Amino acid sequence: MVILGIDPGYAIVGFSVLKYEKHKFTTFAYGIISTSAEEAFENRLKYIYQDMNTIISKYKPECMAIEKLYFNTNQKTVINVAQARGVINLSAAINDLPISKHSALTIVETSGLWLIDLTLIGNVLTSESISSPRVPMLPIDFTL
């Protein structure tokens, strides 16, 4: 089974593509979808939607796991993240992907992995982008 994991956001969307086989997870690819703060918000949502479709088309996952929305104190941020999460869910629904929603704590407890700073990933990765030049989507692809 191929699983698409999503850490939603509107400035940075983290993604990973995992294969689950014989009770073992293998990483196929991971990266980020990044949008510029200078862009109109509706364009940022469009770019996230388009790049999600590119990822789904390329890796052909059978389901998507997405982090539940975490609400702290910044209401503006949570509303924008919720809208980005909506276009991510729309992309999955249009591509007939079942969606499961998990808290960050559940992900950590299940996988034993802590979420890492996606900005750091964006600064470190230098692989070729699979998106158009307007959005620096930075995938690391392990497919053979």
N, C-alpha and C. Protein backbone atom coordinates (compact mmCIF):
# COMPACT_ATOMS: atom_id res chain seq x y z
N MET A 1 0.84 -1.18 0.00
CA MET A 1 0.00 0.00 0.00
C MET A 1 0.88 1.24 0.00
N VAL A 2 0.57 2.20 -0.87
CA VAL A 2 1.29 3.46 -0.93
C VAL A 2 0.45 4.52 -0.21
N ILE A 3 1.09 5.23 0.73
CA ILE A 3 0.40 6.20 1.58
C ILE A 3 1.05 7.56 1.39
N LEU A 4 0.21 8.57 1.21
CA LEU A 4 0.67 9.95 1.13
C LEU A 4 0.41 10.61 2.48
N GLY A 5 1.47 11.06 3.14
CA GLY A 5 1.35 11.74 4.43
C GLY A 5 1.50 13.24 4.23
N ILE A 6 0.62 14.02 4.87
CA ILE A 6 0.60 15.47 4.68
C ILE A 6 0.66 16.19 6.03
N ASP A 7 1.56 17.17 6.11
CA ASP A 7 1.59 18.13 7.22
C ASP A 7 1.11 19.45 6.61
N PRO A 8 -0.17 19.82 6.84
CA PRO A 8 -0.75 20.94 6.11
C PRO A 8 -0.24 22.30 6.56
N GLY A 9 -0.28 23.24 5.65
CA GLY A 9 0.07 24.62 5.90
C GLY A 9 -0.23 25.42 4.65
N TYR A 10 0.00 26.71 4.67
CA TYR A 10 -0.18 27.50 3.45
C TYR A 10 1.13 28.12 2.99
N ALA A 11 2.08 28.32 3.88
CA ALA A 11 3.42 28.75 3.48
C ALA A 11 4.23 27.53 3.08
N ILE A 12 4.11 26.47 3.88
CA ILE A 12 4.82 25.22 3.62
C ILE A 12 3.89 24.05 3.90
N VAL A 13 3.77 23.15 2.94
CA VAL A 13 3.06 21.89 3.11
C VAL A 13 4.13 20.80 3.06
N GLY A 14 4.22 20.02 4.12
CA GLY A 14 5.15 18.90 4.11
C GLY A 14 4.46 17.66 3.57
N PHE A 15 5.19 16.85 2.80
CA PHE A 15 4.60 15.60 2.33
C PHE A 15 5.62 14.48 2.38
N SER A 16 5.11 13.27 2.54
CA SER A 16 5.95 12.08 2.44
C SER A 16 5.13 11.00 1.74
N VAL A 17 5.82 10.17 1.01
CA VAL A 17 5.19 9.04 0.33
C VAL A 17 5.84 7.79 0.90
N LEU A 18 5.00 6.95 1.51
CA LEU A 18 5.47 5.73 2.15
C LEU A 18 4.85 4.51 1.50
N LYS A 19 5.59 3.44 1.52
CA LYS A 19 5.04 2.16 1.08
C LYS A 19 4.99 1.25 2.29
N TYR A 20 3.82 0.66 2.52
CA TYR A 20 3.65 -0.27 3.63
C TYR A 20 3.50 -1.67 3.04
N GLU A 21 4.47 -2.52 3.36
CA GLU A 21 4.48 -3.86 2.80
C GLU A 21 5.14 -4.81 3.80
N LYS A 22 4.52 -5.94 4.03
CA LYS A 22 5.05 -6.95 4.94
C LYS A 22 5.35 -6.36 6.32
N HIS A 23 4.39 -5.57 6.83
CA HIS A 23 4.48 -4.96 8.16
C HIS A 23 5.66 -4.01 8.31
N LYS A 24 6.06 -3.38 7.21
CA LYS A 24 7.20 -2.47 7.24
C LYS A 24 6.92 -1.26 6.36
N PHE A 25 7.31 -0.07 6.86
CA PHE A 25 7.20 1.17 6.09
C PHE A 25 8.53 1.46 5.39
N THR A 26 8.45 1.85 4.13
CA THR A 26 9.61 2.29 3.37
C THR A 26 9.30 3.67 2.80
N THR A 27 10.24 4.59 2.92
CA THR A 27 10.07 5.93 2.38
C THR A 27 10.40 5.94 0.90
N PHE A 28 9.45 6.44 0.09
CA PHE A 28 9.69 6.59 -1.34
C PHE A 28 10.15 8.01 -1.66
N ALA A 29 9.49 8.98 -1.07
CA ALA A 29 9.80 10.38 -1.37
C ALA A 29 9.30 11.26 -0.24
N TYR A 30 9.88 12.43 -0.11
CA TYR A 30 9.36 13.44 0.81
C TYR A 30 9.84 14.79 0.35
N GLY A 31 9.16 15.81 0.80
CA GLY A 31 9.53 17.16 0.41
C GLY A 31 8.54 18.18 0.90
N ILE A 32 8.59 19.35 0.30
CA ILE A 32 7.68 20.42 0.68
C ILE A 32 7.08 21.08 -0.55
N ILE A 33 5.91 21.64 -0.35
CA ILE A 33 5.31 22.57 -1.30
C ILE A 33 5.40 23.91 -0.60
N SER A 34 6.03 24.88 -1.24
CA SER A 34 6.23 26.18 -0.63
C SER A 34 5.55 27.25 -1.46
N THR A 35 4.88 28.18 -0.78
CA THR A 35 4.26 29.30 -1.48
C THR A 35 4.82 30.60 -0.93
N SER A 36 4.86 31.60 -1.77
CA SER A 36 5.45 32.89 -1.42
C SER A 36 4.43 33.79 -0.72
N ALA A 37 4.87 34.47 0.32
CA ALA A 37 4.01 35.42 1.04
C ALA A 37 3.64 36.60 0.16
N GLU A 38 4.39 36.86 -0.90
CA GLU A 38 4.08 37.97 -1.80
C GLU A 38 2.89 37.66 -2.72
N GLU A 39 2.56 36.38 -2.87
CA GLU A 39 1.44 35.98 -3.73
C GLU A 39 0.11 36.26 -3.04
N ALA A 40 -0.92 36.51 -3.83
CA ALA A 40 -2.28 36.62 -3.29
C ALA A 40 -2.64 35.27 -2.68
N PHE A 41 -3.37 35.31 -1.57
CA PHE A 41 -3.67 34.08 -0.84
C PHE A 41 -4.39 33.06 -1.72
N GLU A 42 -5.34 33.53 -2.55
CA GLU A 42 -6.07 32.59 -3.40
C GLU A 42 -5.14 31.90 -4.39
N ASN A 43 -4.08 32.59 -4.84
CA ASN A 43 -3.10 31.95 -5.72
C ASN A 43 -2.28 30.92 -4.96
N ARG A 44 -1.97 31.21 -3.72
CA ARG A 44 -1.23 30.24 -2.90
C ARG A 44 -2.03 28.95 -2.77
N LEU A 45 -3.34 29.08 -2.55
CA LEU A 45 -4.21 27.90 -2.46
C LEU A 45 -4.23 27.15 -3.78
N LYS A 46 -4.28 27.88 -4.89
CA LYS A 46 -4.28 27.26 -6.22
C LYS A 46 -2.99 26.47 -6.43
N TYR A 47 -1.84 27.05 -6.06
CA TYR A 47 -0.56 26.37 -6.24
C TYR A 47 -0.49 25.10 -5.39
N ILE A 48 -0.99 25.17 -4.16
CA ILE A 48 -1.01 23.98 -3.30
C ILE A 48 -1.86 22.89 -3.95
N TYR A 49 -3.03 23.26 -4.43
CA TYR A 49 -3.92 22.31 -5.09
C TYR A 49 -3.24 21.68 -6.31
N GLN A 50 -2.64 22.50 -7.16
CA GLN A 50 -1.99 21.99 -8.36
C GLN A 50 -0.83 21.05 -8.02
N ASP A 51 -0.02 21.44 -7.05
CA ASP A 51 1.13 20.61 -6.69
C ASP A 51 0.71 19.32 -5.99
N MET A 52 -0.39 19.39 -5.21
CA MET A 52 -0.91 18.16 -4.62
C MET A 52 -1.33 17.18 -5.72
N ASN A 53 -1.97 17.70 -6.75
CA ASN A 53 -2.38 16.84 -7.86
C ASN A 53 -1.17 16.25 -8.58
N THR A 54 -0.10 17.03 -8.70
CA THR A 54 1.13 16.53 -9.31
C THR A 54 1.71 15.38 -8.49
N ILE A 55 1.76 15.56 -7.18
CA ILE A 55 2.29 14.51 -6.29
C ILE A 55 1.43 13.25 -6.38
N ILE A 56 0.12 13.42 -6.33
CA ILE A 56 -0.79 12.26 -6.40
C ILE A 56 -0.65 11.55 -7.74
N SER A 57 -0.54 12.31 -8.81
CA SER A 57 -0.39 11.72 -10.14
C SER A 57 0.93 10.96 -10.27
N LYS A 58 2.00 11.52 -9.71
CA LYS A 58 3.32 10.90 -9.83
C LYS A 58 3.45 9.62 -9.00
N TYR A 59 2.98 9.66 -7.74
CA TYR A 59 3.23 8.54 -6.83
C TYR A 59 2.05 7.58 -6.68
N LYS A 60 0.88 7.98 -7.14
CA LYS A 60 -0.31 7.13 -7.15
C LYS A 60 -0.59 6.46 -5.78
N PRO A 61 -0.73 7.28 -4.73
CA PRO A 61 -1.02 6.70 -3.41
C PRO A 61 -2.42 6.09 -3.38
N GLU A 62 -2.61 5.15 -2.45
CA GLU A 62 -3.91 4.52 -2.28
C GLU A 62 -4.73 5.20 -1.20
N CYS A 63 -4.08 6.00 -0.36
CA CYS A 63 -4.78 6.75 0.68
C CYS A 63 -3.90 7.92 1.13
N MET A 64 -4.53 8.84 1.86
CA MET A 64 -3.80 10.00 2.36
C MET A 64 -4.03 10.12 3.86
N ALA A 65 -2.95 10.36 4.60
CA ALA A 65 -3.03 10.64 6.03
C ALA A 65 -2.64 12.10 6.21
N ILE A 66 -3.46 12.86 6.93
CA ILE A 66 -3.20 14.29 7.11
C ILE A 66 -3.27 14.63 8.60
N GLU A 67 -2.39 15.54 8.99
CA GLU A 67 -2.38 15.97 10.38
C GLU A 67 -3.62 16.81 10.66
N LYS A 68 -4.26 16.53 11.80
CA LYS A 68 -5.41 17.34 12.21
C LYS A 68 -4.97 18.77 12.46
N LEU A 69 -5.90 19.67 12.27
CA LEU A 69 -5.62 21.08 12.49
C LEU A 69 -5.38 21.34 13.97
N TYR A 70 -4.27 21.98 14.26
CA TYR A 70 -3.92 22.33 15.64
C TYR A 70 -4.20 23.81 15.82
N PHE A 71 -5.01 24.13 16.80
CA PHE A 71 -5.35 25.53 17.07
C PHE A 71 -4.68 25.98 18.34
N ASN A 72 -3.91 27.06 18.24
CA ASN A 72 -3.26 27.61 19.40
C ASN A 72 -3.91 28.94 19.72
N THR A 73 -3.25 30.04 19.44
CA THR A 73 -3.81 31.35 19.77
C THR A 73 -3.97 32.26 18.57
N ASN A 74 -3.31 31.97 17.45
CA ASN A 74 -3.34 32.86 16.30
C ASN A 74 -4.51 32.49 15.39
N GLN A 75 -5.62 33.20 15.51
CA GLN A 75 -6.81 32.87 14.73
C GLN A 75 -6.62 33.10 13.24
N LYS A 76 -5.85 34.11 12.85
CA LYS A 76 -5.61 34.35 11.43
C LYS A 76 -4.89 33.17 10.80
N THR A 77 -3.88 32.68 11.47
CA THR A 77 -3.12 31.55 10.96
C THR A 77 -3.99 30.30 10.85
N VAL A 78 -4.77 30.01 11.87
CA VAL A 78 -5.57 28.78 11.85
C VAL A 78 -6.60 28.82 10.73
N ILE A 79 -7.16 29.98 10.44
CA ILE A 79 -8.14 30.09 9.35
C ILE A 79 -7.45 29.84 8.01
N ASN A 80 -6.29 30.42 7.82
CA ASN A 80 -5.56 30.22 6.56
C ASN A 80 -5.11 28.77 6.40
N VAL A 81 -4.63 28.15 7.47
CA VAL A 81 -4.23 26.74 7.42
C VAL A 81 -5.45 25.87 7.13
N ALA A 82 -6.58 26.21 7.73
CA ALA A 82 -7.81 25.44 7.47
C ALA A 82 -8.19 25.52 5.99
N GLN A 83 -8.04 26.69 5.40
CA GLN A 83 -8.35 26.82 3.98
C GLN A 83 -7.38 25.99 3.12
N ALA A 84 -6.11 26.02 3.46
CA ALA A 84 -5.13 25.21 2.74
C ALA A 84 -5.43 23.73 2.90
N ARG A 85 -5.79 23.35 4.12
CA ARG A 85 -6.15 21.96 4.40
C ARG A 85 -7.36 21.55 3.56
N GLY A 86 -8.27 22.50 3.35
CA GLY A 86 -9.44 22.23 2.52
C GLY A 86 -9.08 21.92 1.09
N VAL A 87 -8.16 22.68 0.48
CA VAL A 87 -7.78 22.38 -0.90
C VAL A 87 -6.97 21.09 -0.99
N ILE A 88 -6.23 20.77 0.06
CA ILE A 88 -5.50 19.50 0.11
C ILE A 88 -6.50 18.34 0.15
N ASN A 89 -7.51 18.47 1.01
CA ASN A 89 -8.56 17.44 1.09
C ASN A 89 -9.34 17.34 -0.22
N LEU A 90 -9.60 18.49 -0.86
CA LEU A 90 -10.29 18.49 -2.15
C LEU A 90 -9.49 17.72 -3.19
N SER A 91 -8.20 17.96 -3.23
CA SER A 91 -7.34 17.24 -4.17
C SER A 91 -7.42 15.74 -3.95
N ALA A 92 -7.38 15.33 -2.69
CA ALA A 92 -7.49 13.89 -2.38
C ALA A 92 -8.86 13.35 -2.80
N ALA A 93 -9.92 14.10 -2.50
CA ALA A 93 -11.27 13.64 -2.82
C ALA A 93 -11.47 13.52 -4.33
N ILE A 94 -10.99 14.51 -5.09
CA ILE A 94 -11.13 14.47 -6.55
C ILE A 94 -10.36 13.28 -7.13
N ASN A 95 -9.27 12.91 -6.47
CA ASN A 95 -8.47 11.77 -6.93
C ASN A 95 -8.88 10.45 -6.26
N ASP A 96 -10.05 10.46 -5.60
CA ASP A 96 -10.63 9.27 -4.96
C ASP A 96 -9.71 8.63 -3.92
N LEU A 97 -8.98 9.46 -3.17
CA LEU A 97 -8.13 8.95 -2.09
C LEU A 97 -8.89 8.99 -0.77
N PRO A 98 -8.98 7.86 -0.08
CA PRO A 98 -9.53 7.91 1.28
C PRO A 98 -8.59 8.74 2.16
N ILE A 99 -9.17 9.50 3.08
CA ILE A 99 -8.39 10.40 3.94
C ILE A 99 -8.55 9.97 5.39
N SER A 100 -7.42 9.83 6.08
CA SER A 100 -7.46 9.62 7.53
C SER A 100 -6.79 10.81 8.19
N LYS A 101 -7.35 11.22 9.33
CA LYS A 101 -6.87 12.41 10.02
C LYS A 101 -6.27 12.01 11.36
N HIS A 102 -5.09 12.55 11.68
CA HIS A 102 -4.37 12.16 12.89
C HIS A 102 -3.79 13.39 13.58
N SER A 103 -3.73 13.34 14.91
CA SER A 103 -3.08 14.42 15.65
C SER A 103 -1.57 14.25 15.52
N ALA A 104 -0.85 15.36 15.72
CA ALA A 104 0.61 15.30 15.68
C ALA A 104 1.13 14.33 16.73
N LEU A 105 0.52 14.33 17.90
CA LEU A 105 0.94 13.42 18.97
C LEU A 105 0.76 11.96 18.56
N THR A 106 -0.35 11.65 17.91
CA THR A 106 -0.58 10.28 17.44
C THR A 106 0.48 9.86 16.43
N ILE A 107 0.85 10.79 15.55
CA ILE A 107 1.88 10.49 14.55
C ILE A 107 3.20 10.19 15.24
N VAL A 108 3.56 10.99 16.23
CA VAL A 108 4.81 10.79 16.96
C VAL A 108 4.78 9.46 17.71
N GLU A 109 3.67 9.18 18.39
CA GLU A 109 3.57 7.95 19.17
C GLU A 109 3.60 6.71 18.28
N THR A 110 2.95 6.80 17.12
CA THR A 110 2.88 5.66 16.21
C THR A 110 4.20 5.41 15.49
N SER A 111 4.80 6.49 15.01
CA SER A 111 6.00 6.34 14.18
C SER A 111 7.29 6.42 14.97
N GLY A 112 7.23 7.04 16.16
CA GLY A 112 8.45 7.26 16.92
C GLY A 112 9.27 8.40 16.36
N LEU A 113 8.70 9.15 15.42
CA LEU A 113 9.41 10.26 14.78
C LEU A 113 8.83 11.58 15.25
N TRP A 114 9.70 12.53 15.49
CA TRP A 114 9.26 13.89 15.78
C TRP A 114 9.20 14.65 14.49
N LEU A 115 8.21 15.51 14.35
CA LEU A 115 8.12 16.36 13.17
C LEU A 115 9.31 17.31 13.18
N ILE A 116 9.91 17.50 12.03
CA ILE A 116 11.07 18.38 11.96
C ILE A 116 10.68 19.71 11.34
N ASP A 117 11.50 20.69 11.53
CA ASP A 117 11.25 22.03 11.03
C ASP A 117 11.31 22.03 9.50
N LEU A 118 10.16 22.24 8.86
CA LEU A 118 10.10 22.18 7.40
C LEU A 118 10.88 23.31 6.75
N THR A 119 11.05 24.43 7.45
CA THR A 119 11.87 25.51 6.91
C THR A 119 13.31 25.04 6.76
N LEU A 120 13.78 24.27 7.73
CA LEU A 120 15.13 23.72 7.65
C LEU A 120 15.26 22.80 6.44
N ILE A 121 14.26 21.97 6.20
CA ILE A 121 14.29 21.10 5.03
C ILE A 121 14.40 21.94 3.76
N GLY A 122 13.58 22.98 3.69
CA GLY A 122 13.59 23.84 2.51
C GLY A 122 14.93 24.50 2.29
N ASN A 123 15.64 24.83 3.36
CA ASN A 123 16.95 25.45 3.23
C ASN A 123 18.04 24.45 2.86
N VAL A 124 17.85 23.20 3.21
CA VAL A 124 18.89 22.19 3.02
C VAL A 124 18.75 21.47 1.68
N LEU A 125 17.53 21.19 1.25
CA LEU A 125 17.33 20.39 0.06
C LEU A 125 17.73 21.15 -1.19
N THR A 126 18.32 20.46 -2.12
CA THR A 126 18.73 21.10 -3.38
C THR A 126 18.29 20.30 -4.59
N SER A 127 17.41 19.33 -4.40
CA SER A 127 17.01 18.51 -5.54
C SER A 127 16.15 19.31 -6.51
N GLU A 128 16.01 18.79 -7.70
CA GLU A 128 15.25 19.46 -8.75
C GLU A 128 13.78 19.52 -8.39
N SER A 129 13.16 20.63 -8.68
CA SER A 129 11.74 20.83 -8.39
C SER A 129 10.89 20.08 -9.41
N ILE A 130 9.76 19.50 -8.94
CA ILE A 130 8.84 18.87 -9.88
C ILE A 130 7.66 19.79 -10.16
N SER A 131 7.68 20.99 -9.58
CA SER A 131 6.61 21.95 -9.84
C SER A 131 7.11 23.01 -10.80
N SER A 132 6.22 23.90 -11.17
CA SER A 132 6.62 25.01 -12.02
C SER A 132 7.50 25.96 -11.23
N PRO A 133 8.22 26.86 -11.89
CA PRO A 133 9.16 27.74 -11.20
C PRO A 133 8.53 28.66 -10.16
N ARG A 134 7.23 28.91 -10.23
CA ARG A 134 6.58 29.83 -9.31
C ARG A 134 6.56 29.31 -7.88
N VAL A 135 6.63 28.00 -7.68
CA VAL A 135 6.58 27.42 -6.34
C VAL A 135 7.75 26.46 -6.19
N PRO A 136 8.65 26.71 -5.25
CA PRO A 136 9.78 25.79 -5.09
C PRO A 136 9.38 24.54 -4.30
N MET A 137 8.78 23.56 -4.98
CA MET A 137 8.45 22.30 -4.34
C MET A 137 9.73 21.46 -4.39
N LEU A 138 10.15 20.98 -3.24
CA LEU A 138 11.45 20.32 -3.16
C LEU A 138 11.28 18.85 -2.77
N PRO A 139 11.13 17.97 -3.73
CA PRO A 139 10.98 16.56 -3.39
C PRO A 139 12.33 15.84 -3.33
N ILE A 140 12.40 14.88 -2.48
CA ILE A 140 13.50 13.92 -2.50
C ILE A 140 12.86 12.61 -2.92
N ASP A 141 13.31 12.06 -4.00
CA ASP A 141 12.67 10.90 -4.60
C ASP A 141 13.57 9.68 -4.46
N PHE A 142 13.04 8.62 -3.81
CA PHE A 142 13.81 7.41 -3.59
C PHE A 142 13.37 6.28 -4.50
N THR A 143 12.48 6.55 -5.45
CA THR A 143 12.01 5.47 -6.31
C THR A 143 13.14 5.00 -7.21
N LEU A 144 13.15 3.73 -7.48
CA LEU A 144 14.21 3.16 -8.32
C LEU A 144 13.72 2.96 -9.73
